[in-house]
Amino acid sequence: MADQGDTDLEKVLDELRDFYTGLVVSYLRLPLPIALPTKIERFTDVMNAVLRAYELIDDQPMQEDALAVLTTTTLYWIAAAELTINFVAHEKELIAHAALLNMLAGQGHLSDFIHWTVTGHLPEED
């Protein structure tokens, strides 16, 4: 395996799994719940489930701003997953960094969405 510096595949996969877990919980809290797979046998099954869930977001009876945050969160996960696949194929640390950056940004949006599911509104901007 090529030298990957400080960023190894296990770290990237752990972060992607954690982010996915947040998506699973969030999608179950939707007005029309969407169940993502919790038993993961193949990554392609998970990817296909998230892609399908993304297509269903607009059908949710929710405020536009909450829909936008969930859409953004999901797109960050999809981008991070695609970058992770690319990292596995090419073993370039900058790709891992890009995946981790997408996950960091996406998890911030995920936190905002979870706040909405609890309070009914998005956090106020500072």
N, C-alpha and C. Protein backbone atom coordinates (compact mmCIF):
# COMPACT_ATOMS: atom_id res chain seq x y z
N MET A 1 0.85 -1.18 0.00
CA MET A 1 0.00 0.00 0.00
C MET A 1 0.89 1.23 0.00
N ALA A 2 0.50 2.21 -0.74
CA ALA A 2 1.28 3.44 -0.82
C ALA A 2 1.26 4.17 0.52
N ASP A 3 2.26 4.98 0.74
CA ASP A 3 2.32 5.78 1.96
C ASP A 3 1.18 6.77 1.98
N GLN A 4 0.36 6.68 3.03
CA GLN A 4 -0.80 7.57 3.13
C GLN A 4 -0.61 8.60 4.22
N GLY A 5 0.61 8.76 4.71
CA GLY A 5 0.87 9.77 5.72
C GLY A 5 0.05 9.52 6.97
N ASP A 6 -0.52 10.60 7.50
CA ASP A 6 -1.26 10.52 8.75
C ASP A 6 -2.70 10.05 8.56
N THR A 7 -3.18 10.02 7.34
CA THR A 7 -4.58 9.67 7.10
C THR A 7 -4.65 8.26 6.53
N ASP A 8 -5.21 7.34 7.33
CA ASP A 8 -5.33 5.98 6.82
C ASP A 8 -6.77 5.65 6.50
N LEU A 9 -6.95 4.59 5.78
CA LEU A 9 -8.27 4.19 5.30
C LEU A 9 -9.22 3.93 6.46
N GLU A 10 -8.73 3.32 7.51
CA GLU A 10 -9.60 3.00 8.65
C GLU A 10 -10.20 4.26 9.27
N LYS A 11 -9.40 5.32 9.37
CA LYS A 11 -9.91 6.58 9.91
C LYS A 11 -11.02 7.14 9.02
N VAL A 12 -10.80 7.14 7.73
CA VAL A 12 -11.79 7.66 6.80
C VAL A 12 -13.07 6.82 6.86
N LEU A 13 -12.93 5.50 6.89
CA LEU A 13 -14.10 4.63 6.95
C LEU A 13 -14.86 4.80 8.26
N ASP A 14 -14.14 4.96 9.37
CA ASP A 14 -14.79 5.19 10.67
C ASP A 14 -15.62 6.47 10.64
N GLU A 15 -15.05 7.53 10.08
CA GLU A 15 -15.78 8.81 10.00
C GLU A 15 -17.01 8.68 9.09
N LEU A 16 -16.84 7.97 7.97
CA LEU A 16 -17.95 7.78 7.05
C LEU A 16 -19.07 6.98 7.72
N ARG A 17 -18.70 5.94 8.49
CA ARG A 17 -19.70 5.15 9.22
C ARG A 17 -20.43 6.01 10.25
N ASP A 18 -19.68 6.82 10.99
CA ASP A 18 -20.30 7.69 11.99
C ASP A 18 -21.29 8.66 11.34
N PHE A 19 -20.88 9.25 10.25
CA PHE A 19 -21.74 10.18 9.52
C PHE A 19 -22.99 9.44 9.03
N TYR A 20 -22.81 8.23 8.52
CA TYR A 20 -23.93 7.43 8.04
C TYR A 20 -24.90 7.14 9.18
N THR A 21 -24.39 6.82 10.34
CA THR A 21 -25.24 6.56 11.50
C THR A 21 -26.12 7.77 11.80
N GLY A 22 -25.55 8.96 11.69
CA GLY A 22 -26.33 10.18 11.86
C GLY A 22 -27.43 10.31 10.82
N LEU A 23 -27.11 9.92 9.58
CA LEU A 23 -28.14 9.95 8.53
C LEU A 23 -29.26 8.96 8.86
N VAL A 24 -28.90 7.77 9.31
CA VAL A 24 -29.90 6.75 9.64
C VAL A 24 -30.88 7.30 10.68
N VAL A 25 -30.35 7.89 11.74
CA VAL A 25 -31.18 8.44 12.81
C VAL A 25 -32.04 9.59 12.28
N SER A 26 -31.43 10.48 11.51
CA SER A 26 -32.16 11.64 10.99
C SER A 26 -33.29 11.25 10.06
N TYR A 27 -33.04 10.30 9.18
CA TYR A 27 -34.07 9.87 8.24
C TYR A 27 -35.23 9.19 8.95
N LEU A 28 -34.97 8.55 10.07
CA LEU A 28 -36.06 7.94 10.84
C LEU A 28 -36.91 8.99 11.55
N ARG A 29 -36.37 10.19 11.75
CA ARG A 29 -37.09 11.26 12.44
C ARG A 29 -37.87 12.15 11.48
N LEU A 30 -37.85 11.84 10.21
CA LEU A 30 -38.59 12.63 9.22
C LEU A 30 -40.09 12.46 9.41
N PRO A 31 -40.88 13.44 8.96
CA PRO A 31 -42.33 13.29 9.03
C PRO A 31 -42.82 12.00 8.33
N LEU A 32 -42.19 11.67 7.21
CA LEU A 32 -42.42 10.39 6.52
C LEU A 32 -41.09 9.63 6.62
N PRO A 33 -40.92 8.83 7.69
CA PRO A 33 -39.61 8.20 7.95
C PRO A 33 -39.10 7.37 6.77
N ILE A 34 -37.80 7.43 6.60
CA ILE A 34 -37.10 6.63 5.59
C ILE A 34 -36.10 5.77 6.34
N ALA A 35 -36.22 4.45 6.17
CA ALA A 35 -35.32 3.53 6.85
C ALA A 35 -34.14 3.19 5.95
N LEU A 36 -32.96 3.59 6.37
CA LEU A 36 -31.74 3.21 5.67
C LEU A 36 -31.24 1.90 6.29
N PRO A 37 -30.51 1.10 5.53
CA PRO A 37 -30.02 -0.17 6.08
C PRO A 37 -29.12 0.05 7.30
N THR A 38 -29.33 -0.76 8.32
CA THR A 38 -28.45 -0.70 9.49
C THR A 38 -27.51 -1.90 9.52
N LYS A 39 -27.86 -2.94 8.84
CA LYS A 39 -26.96 -4.09 8.69
C LYS A 39 -26.28 -3.92 7.33
N ILE A 40 -25.00 -3.67 7.37
CA ILE A 40 -24.27 -3.36 6.15
C ILE A 40 -23.47 -4.57 5.70
N GLU A 41 -23.90 -5.12 4.57
CA GLU A 41 -23.17 -6.25 3.99
C GLU A 41 -22.32 -5.81 2.80
N ARG A 42 -22.86 -4.88 2.01
CA ARG A 42 -22.13 -4.37 0.85
C ARG A 42 -22.26 -2.86 0.82
N PHE A 43 -21.16 -2.20 0.55
CA PHE A 43 -21.16 -0.75 0.49
C PHE A 43 -22.09 -0.25 -0.60
N THR A 44 -22.17 -0.95 -1.70
CA THR A 44 -23.04 -0.50 -2.79
C THR A 44 -24.51 -0.46 -2.36
N ASP A 45 -24.91 -1.37 -1.47
CA ASP A 45 -26.29 -1.34 -0.96
C ASP A 45 -26.54 -0.06 -0.16
N VAL A 46 -25.58 0.33 0.65
CA VAL A 46 -25.69 1.55 1.45
C VAL A 46 -25.72 2.76 0.53
N MET A 47 -24.83 2.79 -0.42
CA MET A 47 -24.77 3.92 -1.35
C MET A 47 -26.08 4.05 -2.11
N ASN A 48 -26.60 2.94 -2.61
CA ASN A 48 -27.86 2.98 -3.35
C ASN A 48 -29.02 3.43 -2.46
N ALA A 49 -29.01 3.02 -1.20
CA ALA A 49 -30.08 3.43 -0.28
C ALA A 49 -30.03 4.93 -0.02
N VAL A 50 -28.83 5.48 0.15
CA VAL A 50 -28.71 6.93 0.38
C VAL A 50 -29.10 7.69 -0.88
N LEU A 51 -28.69 7.21 -2.02
CA LEU A 51 -29.07 7.86 -3.28
C LEU A 51 -30.60 7.86 -3.45
N ARG A 52 -31.24 6.77 -3.09
CA ARG A 52 -32.70 6.69 -3.19
C ARG A 52 -33.34 7.63 -2.17
N ALA A 53 -32.81 7.66 -0.96
CA ALA A 53 -33.35 8.56 0.07
C ALA A 53 -33.22 10.01 -0.39
N TYR A 54 -32.11 10.34 -1.02
CA TYR A 54 -31.91 11.70 -1.54
C TYR A 54 -33.05 12.08 -2.50
N GLU A 55 -33.45 11.13 -3.33
CA GLU A 55 -34.53 11.39 -4.29
C GLU A 55 -35.87 11.61 -3.60
N LEU A 56 -36.03 11.10 -2.38
CA LEU A 56 -37.30 11.19 -1.67
C LEU A 56 -37.41 12.42 -0.76
N ILE A 57 -36.32 13.13 -0.57
CA ILE A 57 -36.32 14.26 0.37
C ILE A 57 -37.39 15.29 0.02
N ASP A 58 -37.49 15.65 -1.24
CA ASP A 58 -38.44 16.70 -1.63
C ASP A 58 -39.89 16.33 -1.37
N ASP A 59 -40.17 15.04 -1.16
CA ASP A 59 -41.54 14.61 -0.87
C ASP A 59 -41.91 14.77 0.60
N GLN A 60 -40.96 15.19 1.41
CA GLN A 60 -41.22 15.33 2.84
C GLN A 60 -42.03 16.60 3.12
N PRO A 61 -43.06 16.49 3.95
CA PRO A 61 -43.85 17.68 4.32
C PRO A 61 -43.13 18.46 5.44
N MET A 62 -42.15 19.27 5.01
CA MET A 62 -41.32 20.00 5.96
C MET A 62 -41.08 21.42 5.45
N GLN A 63 -40.57 22.26 6.34
CA GLN A 63 -40.19 23.62 5.97
C GLN A 63 -39.06 23.56 4.94
N GLU A 64 -39.07 24.52 4.03
CA GLU A 64 -38.06 24.57 2.97
C GLU A 64 -36.64 24.63 3.52
N ASP A 65 -36.42 25.40 4.59
CA ASP A 65 -35.06 25.52 5.11
C ASP A 65 -34.58 24.20 5.70
N ALA A 66 -35.46 23.45 6.33
CA ALA A 66 -35.07 22.14 6.87
C ALA A 66 -34.80 21.15 5.73
N LEU A 67 -35.63 21.21 4.68
CA LEU A 67 -35.38 20.37 3.51
C LEU A 67 -34.01 20.68 2.89
N ALA A 68 -33.68 21.96 2.82
CA ALA A 68 -32.39 22.36 2.24
C ALA A 68 -31.23 21.83 3.07
N VAL A 69 -31.37 21.88 4.38
CA VAL A 69 -30.29 21.39 5.26
C VAL A 69 -30.14 19.88 5.11
N LEU A 70 -31.25 19.16 5.07
CA LEU A 70 -31.17 17.70 4.90
C LEU A 70 -30.61 17.33 3.54
N THR A 71 -31.01 18.05 2.51
CA THR A 71 -30.48 17.81 1.17
C THR A 71 -28.97 18.03 1.15
N THR A 72 -28.53 19.13 1.73
CA THR A 72 -27.10 19.44 1.78
C THR A 72 -26.34 18.38 2.56
N THR A 73 -26.88 17.98 3.70
CA THR A 73 -26.25 16.94 4.52
C THR A 73 -26.07 15.66 3.71
N THR A 74 -27.12 15.27 3.02
CA THR A 74 -27.07 14.03 2.24
C THR A 74 -26.06 14.14 1.11
N LEU A 75 -26.02 15.28 0.44
CA LEU A 75 -25.04 15.47 -0.63
C LEU A 75 -23.61 15.42 -0.11
N TYR A 76 -23.38 15.97 1.07
CA TYR A 76 -22.04 15.87 1.65
C TYR A 76 -21.67 14.41 1.91
N TRP A 77 -22.63 13.62 2.40
CA TRP A 77 -22.32 12.20 2.64
C TRP A 77 -22.02 11.50 1.32
N ILE A 78 -22.84 11.74 0.30
CA ILE A 78 -22.62 11.10 -0.99
C ILE A 78 -21.25 11.48 -1.55
N ALA A 79 -20.91 12.76 -1.47
CA ALA A 79 -19.59 13.21 -1.97
C ALA A 79 -18.47 12.56 -1.17
N ALA A 80 -18.62 12.49 0.14
CA ALA A 80 -17.60 11.86 0.98
C ALA A 80 -17.46 10.37 0.64
N ALA A 81 -18.58 9.71 0.40
CA ALA A 81 -18.53 8.29 0.04
C ALA A 81 -17.81 8.10 -1.30
N GLU A 82 -18.13 8.94 -2.27
CA GLU A 82 -17.46 8.85 -3.57
C GLU A 82 -15.95 9.13 -3.44
N LEU A 83 -15.61 10.11 -2.62
CA LEU A 83 -14.19 10.40 -2.40
C LEU A 83 -13.49 9.25 -1.69
N THR A 84 -14.20 8.59 -0.78
CA THR A 84 -13.62 7.43 -0.09
C THR A 84 -13.34 6.31 -1.08
N ILE A 85 -14.26 6.06 -1.98
CA ILE A 85 -14.05 5.06 -3.03
C ILE A 85 -12.81 5.44 -3.85
N ASN A 86 -12.70 6.71 -4.19
CA ASN A 86 -11.55 7.22 -4.95
C ASN A 86 -10.26 7.05 -4.15
N PHE A 87 -10.31 7.30 -2.84
CA PHE A 87 -9.13 7.13 -1.99
C PHE A 87 -8.67 5.68 -1.98
N VAL A 88 -9.62 4.75 -1.90
CA VAL A 88 -9.28 3.32 -1.93
C VAL A 88 -8.57 2.98 -3.24
N ALA A 89 -9.06 3.53 -4.33
CA ALA A 89 -8.51 3.22 -5.65
C ALA A 89 -7.14 3.85 -5.89
N HIS A 90 -6.94 5.06 -5.37
CA HIS A 90 -5.73 5.80 -5.73
C HIS A 90 -4.76 6.05 -4.59
N GLU A 91 -5.21 5.85 -3.36
CA GLU A 91 -4.36 5.97 -2.17
C GLU A 91 -3.62 7.31 -2.08
N LYS A 92 -4.28 8.37 -2.48
CA LYS A 92 -3.68 9.70 -2.38
C LYS A 92 -4.26 10.40 -1.16
N GLU A 93 -3.40 10.86 -0.30
CA GLU A 93 -3.84 11.45 0.96
C GLU A 93 -4.73 12.67 0.75
N LEU A 94 -4.49 13.43 -0.29
CA LEU A 94 -5.33 14.61 -0.52
C LEU A 94 -6.79 14.20 -0.76
N ILE A 95 -7.02 13.03 -1.34
CA ILE A 95 -8.39 12.56 -1.55
C ILE A 95 -9.03 12.22 -0.20
N ALA A 96 -8.25 11.60 0.68
CA ALA A 96 -8.75 11.31 2.03
C ALA A 96 -9.08 12.60 2.76
N HIS A 97 -8.23 13.60 2.62
CA HIS A 97 -8.49 14.90 3.25
C HIS A 97 -9.78 15.52 2.71
N ALA A 98 -9.99 15.41 1.41
CA ALA A 98 -11.22 15.94 0.81
C ALA A 98 -12.44 15.20 1.35
N ALA A 99 -12.32 13.89 1.49
CA ALA A 99 -13.44 13.10 2.06
C ALA A 99 -13.72 13.54 3.49
N LEU A 100 -12.67 13.68 4.29
CA LEU A 100 -12.84 14.09 5.68
C LEU A 100 -13.42 15.50 5.79
N LEU A 101 -13.00 16.39 4.90
CA LEU A 101 -13.53 17.75 4.90
C LEU A 101 -15.03 17.75 4.57
N ASN A 102 -15.42 16.94 3.59
CA ASN A 102 -16.85 16.81 3.26
C ASN A 102 -17.63 16.28 4.45
N MET A 103 -17.05 15.32 5.15
CA MET A 103 -17.74 14.77 6.31
C MET A 103 -17.87 15.80 7.43
N LEU A 104 -16.82 16.57 7.64
CA LEU A 104 -16.86 17.60 8.68
C LEU A 104 -17.95 18.63 8.37
N ALA A 105 -17.99 19.10 7.15
CA ALA A 105 -19.02 20.07 6.76
C ALA A 105 -20.41 19.44 6.85
N GLY A 106 -20.53 18.23 6.36
CA GLY A 106 -21.82 17.55 6.38
C GLY A 106 -22.33 17.28 7.78
N GLN A 107 -21.42 16.95 8.69
CA GLN A 107 -21.83 16.68 10.06
C GLN A 107 -22.30 17.96 10.75
N GLY A 108 -21.76 19.10 10.34
CA GLY A 108 -22.26 20.37 10.86
C GLY A 108 -23.70 20.59 10.44
N HIS A 109 -24.01 20.31 9.18
CA HIS A 109 -25.38 20.42 8.69
C HIS A 109 -26.28 19.38 9.36
N LEU A 110 -25.73 18.19 9.56
CA LEU A 110 -26.48 17.13 10.23
C LEU A 110 -26.88 17.56 11.64
N SER A 111 -25.95 18.18 12.33
CA SER A 111 -26.24 18.69 13.68
C SER A 111 -27.38 19.70 13.64
N ASP A 112 -27.35 20.58 12.66
CA ASP A 112 -28.42 21.57 12.50
C ASP A 112 -29.76 20.87 12.23
N PHE A 113 -29.73 19.83 11.40
CA PHE A 113 -30.97 19.13 11.09
C PHE A 113 -31.52 18.40 12.31
N ILE A 114 -30.64 17.77 13.07
CA ILE A 114 -31.08 17.09 14.29
C ILE A 114 -31.70 18.11 15.25
N HIS A 115 -31.10 19.29 15.33
CA HIS A 115 -31.67 20.36 16.14
C HIS A 115 -33.10 20.66 15.67
N TRP A 116 -33.30 20.72 14.35
CA TRP A 116 -34.64 20.97 13.81
C TRP A 116 -35.61 19.87 14.21
N THR A 117 -35.16 18.59 14.17
CA THR A 117 -36.08 17.49 14.51
C THR A 117 -36.50 17.55 15.97
N VAL A 118 -35.68 18.13 16.81
CA VAL A 118 -36.00 18.24 18.25
C VAL A 118 -36.82 19.47 18.55
N THR A 119 -36.45 20.61 17.95
CA THR A 119 -37.06 21.90 18.32
C THR A 119 -38.09 22.42 17.31
N GLY A 120 -38.03 21.92 16.09
CA GLY A 120 -38.93 22.43 15.05
C GLY A 120 -38.41 23.64 14.32
N HIS A 121 -37.18 24.05 14.65
CA HIS A 121 -36.56 25.15 13.91
C HIS A 121 -35.06 24.93 13.87
N LEU A 122 -34.41 25.55 12.87
CA LEU A 122 -32.97 25.44 12.74
C LEU A 122 -32.30 26.37 13.74
N PRO A 123 -31.06 26.05 14.13
CA PRO A 123 -30.35 26.94 15.06
C PRO A 123 -30.19 28.34 14.48
N GLU A 124 -30.22 29.31 15.34
CA GLU A 124 -30.01 30.70 14.91
C GLU A 124 -28.54 30.88 14.55
N GLU A 125 -28.29 31.64 13.48
CA GLU A 125 -26.92 31.96 13.11
C GLU A 125 -26.38 33.02 14.05
N ASP A 126 -25.09 32.88 14.38
CA ASP A 126 -24.45 33.87 15.27
C ASP A 126 -24.11 35.14 14.55
